[in-house]
Amino acid sequence: MTADELLIRLEENVRSLLSERETLRQELALLRDANDRQRQELIRTHEELASLQRQYKQLQTAHALAGNEEGREQAKRQLSRLIRMVDTAIEQMNSETLSDSAL
């Protein structure tokens, strides 16, 4: 093989590699877009799940209040737990406010 033939073959290989590189770049861009769409869908699904779980808890509480004595006791316990959580949060906010105002 002569030097000119080798040079021509090298140029063809370089063109082929550049073409393949461009194809791979385009494919990567498409995959990234698909990944972003899937990530957004996953976020929406998690948000929907959280919302449905909250609704389920609310329905359980409402059902318990309307149901038998055992259900009422369970609802009272749930409400008491929520009230304690809110009270704790209020106490923490008040103590943070006091410590911030002392600075």
PDB file of N, CA and C in Angstrom:
ATOM      1  N   MET A   1       0.844  -1.174   0.000  1.00  0.00           N
ATOM      2  CA  MET A   1       0.000   0.000   0.000  1.00  0.00           C
ATOM      3  C   MET A   1       0.893   1.242   0.000  1.00  0.00           C
ATOM      4  N   THR A   2       0.542   2.197  -0.810  1.00  0.00           N
ATOM      5  CA  THR A   2       1.351   3.402  -0.910  1.00  0.00           C
ATOM      6  C   THR A   2       0.937   4.374   0.185  1.00  0.00           C
ATOM      7  N   ALA A   3       1.728   5.407   0.327  1.00  0.00           N
ATOM      8  CA  ALA A   3       1.450   6.426   1.339  1.00  0.00           C
ATOM      9  C   ALA A   3       0.152   7.142   1.024  1.00  0.00           C
ATOM     10  N   ASP A   4      -0.129   7.385  -0.256  1.00  0.00           N
ATOM     11  CA  ASP A   4      -1.381   8.051  -0.642  1.00  0.00           C
ATOM     12  C   ASP A   4      -2.588   7.185  -0.299  1.00  0.00           C
ATOM     13  N   GLU A   5      -2.494   5.897  -0.529  1.00  0.00           N
ATOM     14  CA  GLU A   5      -3.588   4.979  -0.201  1.00  0.00           C
ATOM     15  C   GLU A   5      -3.815   4.918   1.306  1.00  0.00           C
ATOM     16  N   LEU A   6      -2.740   4.922   2.053  1.00  0.00           N
ATOM     17  CA  LEU A   6      -2.861   4.924   3.517  1.00  0.00           C
ATOM     18  C   LEU A   6      -3.505   6.207   4.007  1.00  0.00           C
ATOM     19  N   LEU A   7      -3.115   7.310   3.390  1.00  0.00           N
ATOM     20  CA  LEU A   7      -3.684   8.600   3.773  1.00  0.00           C
ATOM     21  C   LEU A   7      -5.175   8.645   3.454  1.00  0.00           C
ATOM     22  N   ILE A   8      -5.560   8.132   2.285  1.00  0.00           N
ATOM     23  CA  ILE A   8      -6.971   8.096   1.906  1.00  0.00           C
ATOM     24  C   ILE A   8      -7.756   7.201   2.881  1.00  0.00           C
ATOM     25  N   ARG A   9      -7.217   6.067   3.212  1.00  0.00           N
ATOM     26  CA  ARG A   9      -7.871   5.151   4.149  1.00  0.00           C
ATOM     27  C   ARG A   9      -8.005   5.791   5.530  1.00  0.00           C
ATOM     28  N   LEU A  10      -6.983   6.491   5.977  1.00  0.00           N
ATOM     29  CA  LEU A  10      -7.022   7.193   7.261  1.00  0.00           C
ATOM     30  C   LEU A  10      -8.098   8.265   7.251  1.00  0.00           C
ATOM     31  N   GLU A  11      -8.203   9.025   6.182  1.00  0.00           N
ATOM     32  CA  GLU A  11      -9.230  10.058   6.072  1.00  0.00           C
ATOM     33  C   GLU A  11     -10.629   9.447   6.131  1.00  0.00           C
ATOM     34  N   GLU A  12     -10.815   8.323   5.439  1.00  0.00           N
ATOM     35  CA  GLU A  12     -12.113   7.641   5.462  1.00  0.00           C
ATOM     36  C   GLU A  12     -12.450   7.184   6.882  1.00  0.00           C
ATOM     37  N   ASN A  13     -11.464   6.642   7.575  1.00  0.00           N
ATOM     38  CA  ASN A  13     -11.685   6.196   8.954  1.00  0.00           C
ATOM     39  C   ASN A  13     -12.020   7.367   9.868  1.00  0.00           C
ATOM     40  N   VAL A  14     -11.329   8.480   9.669  1.00  0.00           N
ATOM     41  CA  VAL A  14     -11.599   9.662  10.493  1.00  0.00           C
ATOM     42  C   VAL A  14     -13.010  10.165  10.223  1.00  0.00           C
ATOM     43  N   ARG A  15     -13.422  10.243   8.959  1.00  0.00           N
ATOM     44  CA  ARG A  15     -14.782  10.674   8.614  1.00  0.00           C
ATOM     45  C   ARG A  15     -15.817   9.725   9.234  1.00  0.00           C
ATOM     46  N   SER A  16     -15.529   8.442   9.147  1.00  0.00           N
ATOM     47  CA  SER A  16     -16.438   7.458   9.717  1.00  0.00           C
ATOM     48  C   SER A  16     -16.559   7.637  11.222  1.00  0.00           C
ATOM     49  N   LEU A  17     -15.449   7.846  11.885  1.00  0.00           N
ATOM     50  CA  LEU A  17     -15.466   8.046  13.340  1.00  0.00           C
ATOM     51  C   LEU A  17     -16.192   9.337  13.713  1.00  0.00           C
ATOM     52  N   LEU A  18     -15.979  10.393  12.947  1.00  0.00           N
ATOM     53  CA  LEU A  18     -16.671  11.656  13.226  1.00  0.00           C
ATOM     54  C   LEU A  18     -18.174  11.506  13.037  1.00  0.00           C
ATOM     55  N   SER A  19     -18.566  10.770  12.023  1.00  0.00           N
ATOM     56  CA  SER A  19     -19.984  10.528  11.783  1.00  0.00           C
ATOM     57  C   SER A  19     -20.590   9.714  12.930  1.00  0.00           C
ATOM     58  N   GLU A  20     -19.886   8.702  13.344  1.00  0.00           N
ATOM     59  CA  GLU A  20     -20.366   7.878  14.457  1.00  0.00           C
ATOM     60  C   GLU A  20     -20.432   8.689  15.747  1.00  0.00           C
ATOM     61  N   ARG A  21     -19.464   9.555  15.940  1.00  0.00           N
ATOM     62  CA  ARG A  21     -19.445  10.418  17.140  1.00  0.00           C
ATOM     63  C   ARG A  21     -20.674  11.321  17.151  1.00  0.00           C
ATOM     64  N   GLU A  22     -20.992  11.902  15.995  1.00  0.00           N
ATOM     65  CA  GLU A  22     -22.165  12.779  15.920  1.00  0.00           C
ATOM     66  C   GLU A  22     -23.448  11.996  16.192  1.00  0.00           C
ATOM     67  N   THR A  23     -23.535  10.805  15.650  1.00  0.00           N
ATOM     68  CA  THR A  23     -24.703   9.952  15.893  1.00  0.00           C
ATOM     69  C   THR A  23     -24.834   9.646  17.385  1.00  0.00           C
ATOM     70  N   LEU A  24     -23.718   9.339  18.010  1.00  0.00           N
ATOM     71  CA  LEU A  24     -23.746   9.043  19.447  1.00  0.00           C
ATOM     72  C   LEU A  24     -24.112  10.275  20.269  1.00  0.00           C
ATOM     73  N   ARG A  25     -23.659  11.447  19.850  1.00  0.00           N
ATOM     74  CA  ARG A  25     -24.034  12.683  20.555  1.00  0.00           C
ATOM     75  C   ARG A  25     -25.537  12.908  20.485  1.00  0.00           C
ATOM     76  N   GLN A  26     -26.106  12.697  19.306  1.00  0.00           N
ATOM     77  CA  GLN A  26     -27.551  12.871  19.140  1.00  0.00           C
ATOM     78  C   GLN A  26     -28.315  11.858  19.988  1.00  0.00           C
ATOM     79  N   GLU A  27     -27.840  10.634  19.988  1.00  0.00           N
ATOM     80  CA  GLU A  27     -28.483   9.600  20.798  1.00  0.00           C
ATOM     81  C   GLU A  27     -28.395   9.940  22.283  1.00  0.00           C
ATOM     82  N   LEU A  28     -27.252  10.452  22.707  1.00  0.00           N
ATOM     83  CA  LEU A  28     -27.090  10.848  24.106  1.00  0.00           C
ATOM     84  C   LEU A  28     -28.059  11.965  24.466  1.00  0.00           C
ATOM     85  N   ALA A  29     -28.212  12.933  23.565  1.00  0.00           N
ATOM     86  CA  ALA A  29     -29.154  14.029  23.821  1.00  0.00           C
ATOM     87  C   ALA A  29     -30.578  13.486  23.967  1.00  0.00           C
ATOM     88  N   LEU A  30     -30.949  12.559  23.104  1.00  0.00           N
ATOM     89  CA  LEU A  30     -32.285  11.953  23.194  1.00  0.00           C
ATOM     90  C   LEU A  30     -32.467  11.189  24.501  1.00  0.00           C
ATOM     91  N   LEU A  31     -31.442  10.456  24.890  1.00  0.00           N
ATOM     92  CA  LEU A  31     -31.515   9.693  26.144  1.00  0.00           C
ATOM     93  C   LEU A  31     -31.607  10.622  27.350  1.00  0.00           C
ATOM     94  N   ARG A  32     -30.879  11.725  27.305  1.00  0.00           N
ATOM     95  CA  ARG A  32     -30.954  12.685  28.419  1.00  0.00           C
ATOM     96  C   ARG A  32     -32.345  13.287  28.514  1.00  0.00           C
ATOM     97  N   ASP A  33     -32.932  13.626  27.360  1.00  0.00           N
ATOM     98  CA  ASP A  33     -34.301  14.162  27.365  1.00  0.00           C
ATOM     99  C   ASP A  33     -35.279  13.141  27.931  1.00  0.00           C
ATOM    100  N   ALA A  34     -35.140  11.903  27.500  1.00  0.00           N
ATOM    101  CA  ALA A  34     -36.021  10.846  28.006  1.00  0.00           C
ATOM    102  C   ALA A  34     -35.834  10.662  29.506  1.00  0.00           C
ATOM    103  N   ASN A  35     -34.596  10.736  29.959  1.00  0.00           N
ATOM    104  CA  ASN A  35     -34.301  10.605  31.391  1.00  0.00           C
ATOM    105  C   ASN A  35     -34.950  11.745  32.175  1.00  0.00           C
ATOM    106  N   ASP A  36     -34.860  12.957  31.654  1.00  0.00           N
ATOM    107  CA  ASP A  36     -35.485  14.094  32.329  1.00  0.00           C
ATOM    108  C   ASP A  36     -37.004  13.920  32.409  1.00  0.00           C
ATOM    109  N   ARG A  37     -37.597  13.456  31.302  1.00  0.00           N
ATOM    110  CA  ARG A  37     -39.051  13.240  31.314  1.00  0.00           C
ATOM    111  C   ARG A  37     -39.427  12.169  32.333  1.00  0.00           C
ATOM    112  N   GLN A  38     -38.667  11.096  32.394  1.00  0.00           N
ATOM    113  CA  GLN A  38     -38.946  10.029  33.351  1.00  0.00           C
ATOM    114  C   GLN A  38     -38.786  10.522  34.786  1.00  0.00           C
ATOM    115  N   ARG A  39     -37.767  11.343  35.013  1.00  0.00           N
ATOM    116  CA  ARG A  39     -37.540  11.889  36.355  1.00  0.00           C
ATOM    117  C   ARG A  39     -38.718  12.770  36.773  1.00  0.00           C
ATOM    118  N   GLN A  40     -39.208  13.602  35.843  1.00  0.00           N
ATOM    119  CA  GLN A  40     -40.355  14.449  36.157  1.00  0.00           C
ATOM    120  C   GLN A  40     -41.600  13.601  36.425  1.00  0.00           C
ATOM    121  N   GLU A  41     -41.791  12.562  35.654  1.00  0.00           N
ATOM    122  CA  GLU A  41     -42.925  11.657  35.862  1.00  0.00           C
ATOM    123  C   GLU A  41     -42.826  10.979  37.223  1.00  0.00           C
ATOM    124  N   LEU A  42     -41.622  10.586  37.601  1.00  0.00           N
ATOM    125  CA  LEU A  42     -41.418   9.959  38.906  1.00  0.00           C
ATOM    126  C   LEU A  42     -41.746  10.936  40.028  1.00  0.00           C
ATOM    127  N   ILE A  43     -41.328  12.183  39.883  1.00  0.00           N
ATOM    128  CA  ILE A  43     -41.641  13.198  40.896  1.00  0.00           C
ATOM    129  C   ILE A  43     -43.154  13.379  41.007  1.00  0.00           C
ATOM    130  N   ARG A  44     -43.825  13.482  39.848  1.00  0.00           N
ATOM    131  CA  ARG A  44     -45.287  13.630  39.876  1.00  0.00           C
ATOM    132  C   ARG A  44     -45.939  12.410  40.521  1.00  0.00           C
ATOM    133  N   THR A  45     -45.439  11.241  40.243  1.00  0.00           N
ATOM    134  CA  THR A  45     -46.005  10.020  40.818  1.00  0.00           C
ATOM    135  C   THR A  45     -45.820   9.999  42.333  1.00  0.00           C
ATOM    136  N   HIS A  46     -44.644  10.410  42.803  1.00  0.00           N
ATOM    137  CA  HIS A  46     -44.410  10.463  44.253  1.00  0.00           C
ATOM    138  C   HIS A  46     -45.339  11.481  44.918  1.00  0.00           C
ATOM    139  N   GLU A  47     -45.529  12.621  44.269  1.00  0.00           N
ATOM    140  CA  GLU A  47     -46.428  13.629  44.825  1.00  0.00           C
ATOM    141  C   GLU A  47     -47.855  13.106  44.883  1.00  0.00           C
ATOM    142  N   GLU A  48     -48.268  12.427  43.828  1.00  0.00           N
ATOM    143  CA  GLU A  48     -49.612  11.856  43.805  1.00  0.00           C
ATOM    144  C   GLU A  48     -49.763  10.790  44.885  1.00  0.00           C
ATOM    145  N   LEU A  49     -48.737   9.964  45.047  1.00  0.00           N
ATOM    146  CA  LEU A  49     -48.778   8.939  46.089  1.00  0.00           C
ATOM    147  C   LEU A  49     -48.911   9.574  47.469  1.00  0.00           C
ATOM    148  N   ALA A  50     -48.121  10.615  47.730  1.00  0.00           N
ATOM    149  CA  ALA A  50     -48.197  11.289  49.025  1.00  0.00           C
ATOM    150  C   ALA A  50     -49.591  11.870  49.248  1.00  0.00           C
ATOM    151  N   SER A  51     -50.152  12.450  48.201  1.00  0.00           N
ATOM    152  CA  SER A  51     -51.500  13.012  48.311  1.00  0.00           C
ATOM    153  C   SER A  51     -52.532  11.921  48.595  1.00  0.00           C
ATOM    154  N   LEU A  52     -52.412  10.815  47.894  1.00  0.00           N
ATOM    155  CA  LEU A  52     -53.347   9.711  48.116  1.00  0.00           C
ATOM    156  C   LEU A  52     -53.194   9.121  49.513  1.00  0.00           C
ATOM    157  N   GLN A  53     -51.967   9.066  50.013  1.00  0.00           N
ATOM    158  CA  GLN A  53     -51.762   8.563  51.368  1.00  0.00           C
ATOM    159  C   GLN A  53     -52.407   9.491  52.393  1.00  0.00           C
ATOM    160  N   ARG A  54     -52.279  10.816  52.183  1.00  0.00           N
ATOM    161  CA  ARG A  54     -52.926  11.765  53.094  1.00  0.00           C
ATOM    162  C   ARG A  54     -54.445  11.594  53.044  1.00  0.00           C
ATOM    163  N   GLN A  55     -54.978  11.451  51.849  1.00  0.00           N
ATOM    164  CA  GLN A  55     -56.420  11.268  51.709  1.00  0.00           C
ATOM    165  C   GLN A  55     -56.875   9.978  52.387  1.00  0.00           C
ATOM    166  N   TYR A  56     -56.077   8.934  52.243  1.00  0.00           N
ATOM    167  CA  TYR A  56     -56.409   7.657  52.872  1.00  0.00           C
ATOM    168  C   TYR A  56     -56.455   7.799  54.393  1.00  0.00           C
ATOM    169  N   LYS A  57     -55.441   8.491  54.947  1.00  0.00           N
ATOM    170  CA  LYS A  57     -55.426   8.701  56.404  1.00  0.00           C
ATOM    171  C   LYS A  57     -56.653   9.505  56.834  1.00  0.00           C
ATOM    172  N   GLN A  58     -57.002  10.523  56.054  1.00  0.00           N
ATOM    173  CA  GLN A  58     -58.170  11.333  56.387  1.00  0.00           C
ATOM    174  C   GLN A  58     -59.448  10.499  56.339  1.00  0.00           C
ATOM    175  N   LEU A  59     -59.528   9.648  55.323  1.00  0.00           N
ATOM    176  CA  LEU A  59     -60.702   8.785  55.223  1.00  0.00           C
ATOM    177  C   LEU A  59     -60.763   7.783  56.369  1.00  0.00           C
ATOM    178  N   GLN A  60     -59.597   7.283  56.759  1.00  0.00           N
ATOM    179  CA  GLN A  60     -59.564   6.364  57.900  1.00  0.00           C
ATOM    180  C   GLN A  60     -60.064   7.072  59.150  1.00  0.00           C
ATOM    181  N   THR A  61     -59.608   8.287  59.353  1.00  0.00           N
ATOM    182  CA  THR A  61     -60.015   9.052  60.535  1.00  0.00           C
ATOM    183  C   THR A  61     -61.516   9.345  60.488  1.00  0.00           C
ATOM    184  N   ALA A  62     -61.994   9.772  59.321  1.00  0.00           N
ATOM    185  CA  ALA A  62     -63.424  10.068  59.192  1.00  0.00           C
ATOM    186  C   ALA A  62     -64.250   8.809  59.399  1.00  0.00           C
ATOM    187  N   HIS A  63     -63.786   7.707  58.849  1.00  0.00           N
ATOM    188  CA  HIS A  63     -64.499   6.442  59.011  1.00  0.00           C
ATOM    189  C   HIS A  63     -64.497   6.004  60.477  1.00  0.00           C
ATOM    190  N   ALA A  64     -63.370   6.202  61.111  1.00  0.00           N
ATOM    191  CA  ALA A  64     -63.268   5.807  62.517  1.00  0.00           C
ATOM    192  C   ALA A  64     -64.203   6.652  63.380  1.00  0.00           C
ATOM    193  N   LEU A  65     -64.300   7.939  63.070  1.00  0.00           N
ATOM    194  CA  LEU A  65     -65.191   8.799  63.851  1.00  0.00           C
ATOM    195  C   LEU A  65     -66.654   8.410  63.651  1.00  0.00           C
ATOM    196  N   ALA A  66     -66.973   7.939  62.471  1.00  0.00           N
ATOM    197  CA  ALA A  66     -68.356   7.570  62.181  1.00  0.00           C
ATOM    198  C   ALA A  66     -68.647   6.128  62.558  1.00  0.00           C
ATOM    199  N   GLY A  67     -67.614   5.376  62.863  1.00  0.00           N
ATOM    200  CA  GLY A  67     -67.775   3.934  63.080  1.00  0.00           C
ATOM    201  C   GLY A  67     -68.032   3.563  64.519  1.00  0.00           C
ATOM    202  N   ASN A  68     -67.543   2.409  64.883  1.00  0.00           N
ATOM    203  CA  ASN A  68     -67.786   1.836  66.200  1.00  0.00           C
ATOM    204  C   ASN A  68     -66.877   2.481  67.252  1.00  0.00           C
ATOM    205  N   GLU A  69     -67.011   2.017  68.473  1.00  0.00           N
ATOM    206  CA  GLU A  69     -66.249   2.592  69.601  1.00  0.00           C
ATOM    207  C   GLU A  69     -64.752   2.402  69.409  1.00  0.00           C
ATOM    208  N   GLU A  70     -64.345   1.231  68.927  1.00  0.00           N
ATOM    209  CA  GLU A  70     -62.914   0.978  68.710  1.00  0.00           C
ATOM    210  C   GLU A  70     -62.356   1.956  67.679  1.00  0.00           C
ATOM    211  N   GLY A  71     -63.131   2.213  66.641  1.00  0.00           N
ATOM    212  CA  GLY A  71     -62.714   3.170  65.621  1.00  0.00           C
ATOM    213  C   GLY A  71     -62.600   4.577  66.179  1.00  0.00           C
ATOM    214  N   ARG A  72     -63.530   4.916  67.051  1.00  0.00           N
ATOM    215  CA  ARG A  72     -63.477   6.249  67.675  1.00  0.00           C
ATOM    216  C   ARG A  72     -62.241   6.396  68.542  1.00  0.00           C
ATOM    217  N   GLU A  73     -61.922   5.351  69.280  1.00  0.00           N
ATOM    218  CA  GLU A  73     -60.723   5.396  70.133  1.00  0.00           C
ATOM    219  C   GLU A  73     -59.463   5.534  69.281  1.00  0.00           C
ATOM    220  N   GLN A  74     -59.423   4.823  68.176  1.00  0.00           N
ATOM    221  CA  GLN A  74     -58.268   4.941  67.284  1.00  0.00           C
ATOM    222  C   GLN A  74     -58.174   6.357  66.733  1.00  0.00           C
ATOM    223  N   ALA A  75     -59.294   6.934  66.347  1.00  0.00           N
ATOM    224  CA  ALA A  75     -59.305   8.305  65.820  1.00  0.00           C
ATOM    225  C   ALA A  75     -58.853   9.291  66.886  1.00  0.00           C
ATOM    226  N   LYS A  76     -59.319   9.083  68.130  1.00  0.00           N
ATOM    227  CA  LYS A  76     -58.894   9.968  69.221  1.00  0.00           C
ATOM    228  C   LYS A  76     -57.388   9.895  69.427  1.00  0.00           C
ATOM    229  N   ARG A  77     -56.853   8.680  69.370  1.00  0.00           N
ATOM    230  CA  ARG A  77     -55.389   8.526  69.524  1.00  0.00           C
ATOM    231  C   ARG A  77     -54.648   9.238  68.396  1.00  0.00           C
ATOM    232  N   GLN A  78     -55.144   9.090  67.175  1.00  0.00           N
ATOM    233  CA  GLN A  78     -54.506   9.756  66.042  1.00  0.00           C
ATOM    234  C   GLN A  78     -54.556  11.272  66.197  1.00  0.00           C
ATOM    235  N   LEU A  79     -55.733  11.770  66.580  1.00  0.00           N
ATOM    236  CA  LEU A  79     -55.868  13.215  66.762  1.00  0.00           C
ATOM    237  C   LEU A  79     -54.989  13.715  67.905  1.00  0.00           C
ATOM    238  N   SER A  80     -54.903  12.965  68.982  1.00  0.00           N
ATOM    239  CA  SER A  80     -54.045  13.351  70.104  1.00  0.00           C
ATOM    240  C   SER A  80     -52.588  13.392  69.672  1.00  0.00           C
ATOM    241  N   ARG A  81     -52.189  12.413  68.878  1.00  0.00           N
ATOM    242  CA  ARG A  81     -50.809  12.384  68.392  1.00  0.00           C
ATOM    243  C   ARG A  81     -50.535  13.601  67.508  1.00  0.00           C
ATOM    244  N   LEU A  82     -51.477  13.929  66.643  1.00  0.00           N
ATOM    245  CA  LEU A  82     -51.302  15.101  65.777  1.00  0.00           C
ATOM    246  C   LEU A  82     -51.243  16.391  66.588  1.00  0.00           C
ATOM    247  N   ILE A  83     -52.085  16.481  67.592  1.00  0.00           N
ATOM    248  CA  ILE A  83     -52.083  17.684  68.443  1.00  0.00           C
ATOM    249  C   ILE A  83     -50.747  17.815  69.172  1.00  0.00           C
ATOM    250  N   ARG A  84     -50.215  16.695  69.671  1.00  0.00           N
ATOM    251  CA  ARG A  84     -48.903  16.738  70.332  1.00  0.00           C
ATOM    252  C   ARG A  84     -47.815  17.190  69.358  1.00  0.00           C
ATOM    253  N   MET A  85     -47.886  16.703  68.129  1.00  0.00           N
ATOM    254  CA  MET A  85     -46.890  17.097  67.128  1.00  0.00           C
ATOM    255  C   MET A  85     -46.974  18.597  66.839  1.00  0.00           C
ATOM    256  N   VAL A  86     -48.193  19.103  66.721  1.00  0.00           N
ATOM    257  CA  VAL A  86     -48.380  20.534  66.467  1.00  0.00           C
ATOM    258  C   VAL A  86     -47.889  21.345  67.666  1.00  0.00           C
ATOM    259  N   ASP A  87     -48.217  20.912  68.873  1.00  0.00           N
ATOM    260  CA  ASP A  87     -47.763  21.606  70.076  1.00  0.00           C
ATOM    261  C   ASP A  87     -46.236  21.639  70.154  1.00  0.00           C
ATOM    262  N   THR A  88     -45.607  20.518  69.839  1.00  0.00           N
ATOM    263  CA  THR A  88     -44.145  20.452  69.851  1.00  0.00           C
ATOM    264  C   THR A  88     -43.557  21.410  68.818  1.00  0.00           C
ATOM    265  N   ALA A  89     -44.155  21.455  67.639  1.00  0.00           N
ATOM    266  CA  ALA A  89     -43.669  22.353  66.597  1.00  0.00           C
ATOM    267  C   ALA A  89     -43.818  23.810  67.023  1.00  0.00           C
ATOM    268  N   ILE A  90     -44.943  24.139  67.660  1.00  0.00           N
ATOM    269  CA  ILE A  90     -45.164  25.513  68.135  1.00  0.00           C
ATOM    270  C   ILE A  90     -44.147  25.875  69.205  1.00  0.00           C
ATOM    271  N   GLU A  91     -43.888  24.950  70.121  1.00  0.00           N
ATOM    272  CA  GLU A  91     -42.885  25.204  71.165  1.00  0.00           C
ATOM    273  C   GLU A  91     -41.506  25.440  70.553  1.00  0.00           C
ATOM    274  N   GLN A  92     -41.150  24.646  69.562  1.00  0.00           N
ATOM    275  CA  GLN A  92     -39.850  24.818  68.910  1.00  0.00           C
ATOM    276  C   GLN A  92     -39.768  26.164  68.199  1.00  0.00           C
ATOM    277  N   MET A  93     -40.860  26.540  67.530  1.00  0.00           N
ATOM    278  CA  MET A  93     -40.864  27.830  66.829  1.00  0.00           C
ATOM    279  C   MET A  93     -40.747  28.971  67.839  1.00  0.00           C
ATOM    280  N   ASN A  94     -41.452  28.865  68.965  1.00  0.00           N
ATOM    281  CA  ASN A  94     -41.386  29.908  69.988  1.00  0.00           C
ATOM    282  C   ASN A  94     -39.990  29.995  70.587  1.00  0.00           C
ATOM    283  N   SER A  95     -39.372  28.860  70.860  1.00  0.00           N
ATOM    284  CA  SER A  95     -38.032  28.896  71.435  1.00  0.00           C
ATOM    285  C   SER A  95     -37.021  29.427  70.431  1.00  0.00           C
ATOM    286  N   GLU A  96     -37.193  29.123  69.144  1.00  0.00           N
ATOM    287  CA  GLU A  96     -36.289  29.669  68.125  1.00  0.00           C
ATOM    288  C   GLU A  96     -36.475  31.172  67.985  1.00  0.00           C
ATOM    289  N   THR A  97     -37.723  31.618  68.072  1.00  0.00           N
ATOM    290  CA  THR A  97     -38.014  33.044  67.973  1.00  0.00           C
ATOM    291  C   THR A  97     -37.384  33.783  69.148  1.00  0.00           C
ATOM    292  N   LEU A  98     -37.497  33.202  70.346  1.00  0.00           N
ATOM    293  CA  LEU A  98     -36.909  33.833  71.528  1.00  0.00           C
ATOM    294  C   LEU A  98     -35.394  33.874  71.421  1.00  0.00           C
ATOM    295  N   SER A  99     -34.791  32.788  70.952  1.00  0.00           N
ATOM    296  CA  SER A  99     -33.330  32.762  70.846  1.00  0.00           C
ATOM    297  C   SER A  99     -32.847  33.697  69.733  1.00  0.00           C
ATOM    298  N   ASP A 100     -33.625  33.836  68.667  1.00  0.00           N
ATOM    299  CA  ASP A 100     -33.244  34.757  67.587  1.00  0.00           C
ATOM    300  C   ASP A 100     -33.366  36.208  68.038  1.00  0.00           C
ATOM    301  N   SER A 101     -34.379  36.527  68.841  1.00  0.00           N
ATOM    302  CA  SER A 101     -34.568  37.901  69.284  1.00  0.00           C
ATOM    303  C   SER A 101     -33.532  38.280  70.338  1.00  0.00           C
ATOM    304  N   ALA A 102     -32.963  37.297  71.032  1.00  0.00           N
ATOM    305  CA  ALA A 102     -31.940  37.566  72.035  1.00  0.00           C
ATOM    306  C   ALA A 102     -30.626  37.937  71.360  1.00  0.00           C
ATOM    307  N   LEU A 103     -30.458  37.533  70.119  1.00  0.00           N
ATOM    308  CA  LEU A 103     -29.220  37.842  69.383  1.00  0.00           C
ATOM    309  C   LEU A 103     -29.298  39.255  68.923  1.00  0.00           C
TER     310      LEU A 103
END
